């Protein structure tokens, strides 16, 4: 297989991996997904904190 054939095959594989997006579009999509994941984790942390506070209040009341 010649270098030209290998380059063409690599280019086709890259295009398939990007799903028709340009490299810039793929980078933006990845960034958006990462931001959404960060926001979801922050929301889960806040919800867990609220649950922990309620549990702590219930434990304190039961000890009185």
Protein backbone atom coordinates (compact mmCIF):
# COMPACT_ATOMS: atom_id res chain seq x y z
CA UNK A 1 0.00 0.00 0.00
CA UNK A 2 1.44 3.35 -1.01
CA UNK A 3 1.70 6.41 1.23
CA UNK A 4 -1.02 8.07 -0.84
CA UNK A 5 -3.37 5.12 -0.27
CA UNK A 6 -2.63 5.15 3.46
CA UNK A 7 -3.29 8.91 3.62
CA UNK A 8 -6.58 8.52 1.78
CA UNK A 9 -7.65 5.67 4.06
CA UNK A 10 -6.74 7.69 7.16
CA UNK A 11 -8.71 10.67 5.81
CA UNK A 12 -11.79 8.48 5.25
CA UNK A 13 -11.48 7.04 8.76
CA UNK A 14 -11.22 10.54 10.24
CA UNK A 15 -14.27 11.72 8.32
CA UNK A 16 -16.23 8.68 9.51
CA UNK A 17 -15.18 9.25 13.11
CA UNK A 18 -16.26 12.89 12.98
CA UNK A 19 -19.68 11.89 11.67
CA UNK A 20 -19.68 14.48 8.91
CA UNK A 21 -18.62 17.33 11.18
CA UNK A 22 -15.60 19.50 10.59
CA UNK A 23 -12.85 19.24 13.22
CA UNK A 24 -13.95 22.65 14.54
CA UNK A 25 -17.57 21.51 14.87
CA UNK A 26 -16.47 18.33 16.65
CA UNK A 27 -14.43 20.38 19.11
CA UNK A 28 -17.38 22.69 19.81
CA UNK A 29 -19.73 19.73 20.31
CA UNK A 30 -17.27 18.10 22.69
CA UNK A 31 -16.96 21.34 24.65
CA UNK A 32 -20.74 21.68 24.92
CA UNK A 33 -21.10 18.10 26.12
CA UNK A 34 -18.39 18.64 28.72
CA UNK A 35 -20.09 21.81 29.97
CA UNK A 36 -23.42 20.00 30.26
CA UNK A 37 -21.72 17.22 32.21
CA UNK A 38 -20.16 19.74 34.61
CA UNK A 39 -23.55 21.39 35.14
CA UNK A 40 -25.20 18.02 35.81
CA UNK A 41 -22.52 17.11 38.36
CA UNK A 42 -22.93 20.48 40.11
CA UNK A 43 -26.70 19.95 40.30
CA UNK A 44 -26.20 16.45 41.73
CA UNK A 45 -23.78 17.80 44.35
CA UNK A 46 -26.27 20.48 45.39
CA UNK A 47 -29.09 17.93 45.62
CA UNK A 48 -26.93 15.56 47.69
CA UNK A 49 -25.99 18.44 50.00
CA UNK A 50 -29.69 19.22 50.56
CA UNK A 51 -30.42 15.57 51.33
CA UNK A 52 -27.51 15.42 53.77
CA UNK A 53 -28.73 18.56 55.55
CA UNK A 54 -32.24 17.09 55.90
CA UNK A 55 -30.80 13.85 57.24
CA UNK A 56 -28.64 15.75 59.71
CA UNK A 57 -31.67 17.74 60.90
CA UNK A 58 -33.66 14.54 61.35
CA UNK A 59 -30.82 12.94 63.33
CA UNK A 60 -30.48 16.00 65.55
CA UNK A 61 -34.23 16.03 66.23
CA UNK A 62 -34.21 12.33 67.10
CA UNK A 63 -31.40 12.88 69.61
CA UNK A 64 -33.32 15.57 71.54
